[in-house]
Protein backbone atom coordinates (compact mmCIF):
# COMPACT_ATOMS: atom_id res chain seq x y z
CA MET A 1 3.64 -107.39 17.81
CA LYS A 2 5.76 -109.66 15.77
CA ALA A 3 8.72 -108.75 17.79
CA CYS A 4 6.78 -109.52 20.74
CA VAL A 5 5.56 -112.99 19.49
CA PHE A 6 9.07 -113.77 18.27
CA LEU A 7 10.61 -112.98 21.75
CA LEU A 8 7.90 -114.96 23.57
CA ALA A 9 8.66 -117.99 21.26
CA ALA A 10 12.46 -117.39 21.60
CA SER A 11 12.10 -117.49 25.38
CA THR A 12 9.55 -120.31 25.61
CA ALA A 13 12.03 -122.25 23.36
CA LEU A 14 15.04 -121.62 24.96
CA ALA A 15 13.60 -122.48 28.56
CA ALA A 16 12.46 -126.00 27.21
CA PRO A 17 14.50 -129.10 27.50
CA LEU A 18 16.22 -129.54 24.16
CA GLU A 19 14.90 -133.18 23.96
CA SER A 20 11.22 -131.99 24.22
CA VAL A 21 12.03 -129.50 21.35
CA GLY A 22 13.51 -131.86 18.92
CA MET A 23 16.60 -129.80 18.32
CA ALA A 24 19.88 -131.10 18.13
CA LEU A 25 22.75 -129.48 20.22
CA ARG A 26 24.69 -127.10 17.96
CA SER A 27 28.62 -126.88 18.03
CA ASP A 28 28.59 -123.51 16.26
CA LEU A 29 28.02 -121.19 19.06
CA GLY A 30 27.61 -118.06 16.65
CA SER A 31 24.54 -119.66 15.00
CA PHE A 32 20.83 -119.21 16.39
CA PRO A 33 18.42 -121.98 15.28
CA LEU A 34 15.86 -119.69 13.88
CA ALA A 35 14.26 -122.12 11.41
CA GLU A 36 13.92 -124.90 14.37
CA LEU A 37 12.39 -122.17 16.83
CA GLU A 38 9.91 -121.29 14.16
CA GLU A 39 9.03 -124.67 13.57
CA TYR A 40 8.80 -125.55 17.05
CA TYR A 41 6.58 -122.44 17.92
CA LYS A 42 4.24 -123.25 14.90
CA THR A 43 3.80 -126.63 16.29
CA ALA A 44 3.59 -126.01 20.02
CA TYR A 45 1.50 -122.94 20.17
CA SER A 46 -0.67 -122.89 17.10
CA ILE A 47 -3.99 -124.18 16.72
CA LYS A 48 -4.88 -124.33 13.17
CA PRO A 49 -8.73 -124.04 12.23
CA SER A 50 -8.77 -127.49 10.88
CA ASN A 51 -8.20 -128.81 14.18
CA VAL A 52 -10.50 -126.70 16.24
CA ASP A 53 -13.45 -129.13 16.27
CA SER A 54 -11.16 -132.00 17.00
CA LEU A 55 -9.67 -130.35 20.13
CA HIS A 56 -13.49 -129.16 21.46
CA PRO A 57 -16.54 -130.85 19.76
CA THR A 58 -18.72 -128.28 20.95
CA ILE A 59 -16.81 -125.10 19.88
CA SER A 60 -18.65 -124.89 16.32
CA LYS A 61 -22.00 -124.96 18.58
CA ARG A 62 -21.15 -121.96 20.81
CA GLN A 63 -24.11 -119.77 21.47
CA TYR A 64 -21.71 -116.66 21.63
CA SER A 65 -19.36 -116.92 18.34
CA GLY A 66 -19.46 -113.19 17.32
CA ASP A 67 -17.20 -110.34 18.28
CA THR A 68 -20.27 -107.95 19.07
CA PHE A 69 -23.35 -108.31 21.44
CA ASN A 70 -25.77 -105.75 22.33
CA GLN A 71 -28.40 -107.68 24.05
CA LEU A 72 -29.39 -104.72 26.43
CA THR A 73 -29.61 -102.13 23.79
CA ASP A 74 -30.93 -103.95 20.81
CA GLY A 75 -34.51 -104.62 22.05
CA THR A 76 -33.58 -108.31 23.47
CA PRO A 77 -36.16 -109.10 26.23
CA CYS A 78 -35.01 -108.71 29.73
CA ARG A 79 -33.07 -112.21 30.89
CA LYS A 80 -32.31 -113.27 34.55
CA VAL A 81 -28.71 -112.09 34.20
CA THR A 82 -27.46 -109.28 32.20
CA LEU A 83 -23.59 -109.53 31.65
CA ILE A 84 -21.90 -106.06 30.71
CA TYR A 85 -18.31 -106.97 29.41
CA ALA A 86 -15.63 -104.63 28.30
CA ARG A 87 -13.04 -106.20 25.91
CA GLY A 88 -9.39 -106.05 26.22
CA THR A 89 -7.13 -103.51 24.56
CA THR A 90 -7.01 -103.83 20.53
CA GLN A 91 -9.77 -106.42 20.75
CA ASP A 92 -12.45 -106.61 17.86
CA GLY A 93 -15.88 -105.62 18.13
CA ASN A 94 -17.17 -104.80 21.61
CA VAL A 95 -16.38 -108.31 23.15
CA GLY A 96 -13.48 -109.36 21.29
CA ASP A 97 -13.62 -112.23 18.67
CA ALA A 98 -15.09 -115.65 19.20
CA ALA A 99 -12.12 -117.15 20.32
CA SER A 100 -11.21 -114.35 22.81
CA GLU A 101 -11.69 -114.56 26.61
CA GLY A 102 -15.03 -112.67 26.30
CA PRO A 103 -17.03 -115.07 24.31
CA THR A 104 -15.32 -118.05 25.76
CA PHE A 105 -16.44 -116.78 29.26
CA PHE A 106 -20.16 -116.11 27.91
CA ASN A 107 -20.18 -119.44 26.68
CA ALA A 108 -19.10 -121.02 30.00
CA LEU A 109 -21.66 -119.03 31.93
CA ALA A 110 -24.38 -119.81 29.47
CA ALA A 111 -23.77 -123.54 29.71
CA ARG A 112 -24.02 -123.00 33.45
CA ILE A 113 -27.01 -120.89 33.61
CA GLY A 114 -28.88 -121.63 30.43
CA ALA A 115 -28.35 -119.35 27.36
CA SER A 116 -32.05 -117.90 27.49
CA ASN A 117 -31.12 -116.68 31.05
CA LEU A 118 -28.33 -114.41 30.12
CA ALA A 119 -28.15 -111.24 28.05
CA VAL A 120 -24.57 -110.06 27.12
CA GLN A 121 -23.60 -106.34 26.33
CA GLY A 122 -20.41 -105.15 25.34
CA VAL A 123 -19.15 -101.93 26.13
CA ASP A 124 -18.31 -99.62 22.88
CA TYR A 125 -14.74 -98.01 23.65
CA ALA A 126 -11.59 -97.41 21.80
CA ALA A 127 -9.77 -99.89 23.22
CA ASN A 128 -6.18 -98.66 22.32
CA ILE A 129 -3.06 -98.56 23.98
CA PHE A 130 -3.51 -95.12 25.04
CA GLY A 131 -6.64 -95.73 27.31
CA PHE A 132 -4.55 -98.65 28.74
CA LEU A 133 -1.69 -96.55 29.97
CA ALA A 134 -4.08 -94.02 31.31
CA GLY A 135 -5.56 -96.59 33.49
CA GLY A 136 -8.71 -97.09 31.24
CA ASP A 137 -10.66 -95.20 28.76
CA ALA A 138 -12.28 -92.50 30.14
CA ALA A 139 -15.22 -92.29 27.79
CA GLY A 140 -15.61 -96.32 27.94
CA SER A 141 -15.73 -96.24 31.62
CA THR A 142 -18.51 -93.60 31.48
CA THR A 143 -20.28 -95.69 28.92
CA MET A 144 -20.11 -98.80 31.09
CA ALA A 145 -21.45 -96.74 34.13
CA ASN A 146 -24.38 -95.72 31.82
CA LEU A 147 -25.33 -99.29 30.64
CA VAL A 148 -25.24 -100.46 34.40
CA SER A 149 -27.78 -97.64 34.89
CA ARG A 150 -29.68 -98.56 31.70
CA ALA A 151 -29.82 -102.28 32.87
CA VAL A 152 -31.24 -101.18 36.39
CA SER A 153 -34.11 -99.20 34.89
CA GLN A 154 -34.82 -101.42 31.82
CA CYS A 155 -34.64 -104.71 33.53
CA PRO A 156 -35.38 -104.30 37.24
CA ASN A 157 -35.26 -108.06 38.11
CA THR A 158 -32.23 -108.88 36.14
CA LYS A 159 -29.00 -109.60 38.12
CA ILE A 160 -26.06 -107.36 36.64
CA VAL A 161 -22.64 -108.74 36.30
CA LEU A 162 -19.53 -106.50 35.30
CA SER A 163 -16.71 -108.15 33.80
CA GLY A 164 -13.73 -106.96 31.59
CA TYR A 165 -10.32 -108.42 30.16
CA SER A 166 -7.36 -106.33 30.29
CA GLN A 167 -8.17 -102.64 30.01
CA GLY A 168 -11.72 -103.85 29.81
CA GLY A 169 -10.88 -104.76 33.73
CA GLN A 170 -9.85 -101.23 34.21
CA LEU A 171 -12.99 -99.84 32.73
CA VAL A 172 -14.93 -102.15 35.48
CA HIS A 173 -12.87 -100.61 38.48
CA ASN A 174 -13.55 -97.03 36.90
CA ALA A 175 -17.19 -97.39 36.07
CA ALA A 176 -17.67 -98.59 39.66
CA ALA A 177 -16.29 -95.58 40.91
CA LYS A 178 -18.92 -93.65 38.88
CA LEU A 179 -21.90 -95.25 40.12
CA THR A 180 -24.07 -94.45 43.08
CA THR A 181 -24.42 -96.45 46.01
CA ALA A 182 -28.00 -97.44 45.15
CA LEU A 183 -26.30 -98.63 41.63
CA ILE A 184 -23.68 -100.45 43.11
CA ASN A 185 -25.92 -102.58 45.37
CA ARG A 186 -27.77 -103.89 42.12
CA ILE A 187 -24.44 -105.29 41.12
CA SER A 188 -24.52 -108.97 41.67
CA ALA A 189 -20.88 -109.85 40.52
CA ASP A 190 -17.87 -108.15 39.11
CA LEU A 191 -15.30 -110.84 37.44
């Protein structure tokens, strides 16, 4: 992972004009500016926790700020929309950490339709690289299909939305292939 981050930072820094990075031209071609590259990466691509509120004042007030949501299975009353979400490979919990794609999406959707109208159910699955390479974790795909079935029977009037990030997107595809036509017809959106 560190090697990938380093290579990403190196390619980004080398692709940028020297004036914008603040590095001087070097006459010694045998030396690579590691210290300058690391400083550039830290400045340009990192958000420090102390700066989060200044970047987006409502970020600390977000409804969905955890990494696990089970509003279909924990006894939460039925809501107008039930979002079944599968996190990406190696992400935490069953939806990813608060700053990841899942909770960010949930908060944007809740802001649009109202938090009291949205139930979020994460899919518990291994989310490892082996599942990704296999085209999506098989057990997780089955779990997602079972959650759709449960949402239909438990909350017959809810609109069901399937969504996933990275390997979670693979699970959406695989789960849809496991559903009956009647269950597929109950899905309002897949994102």
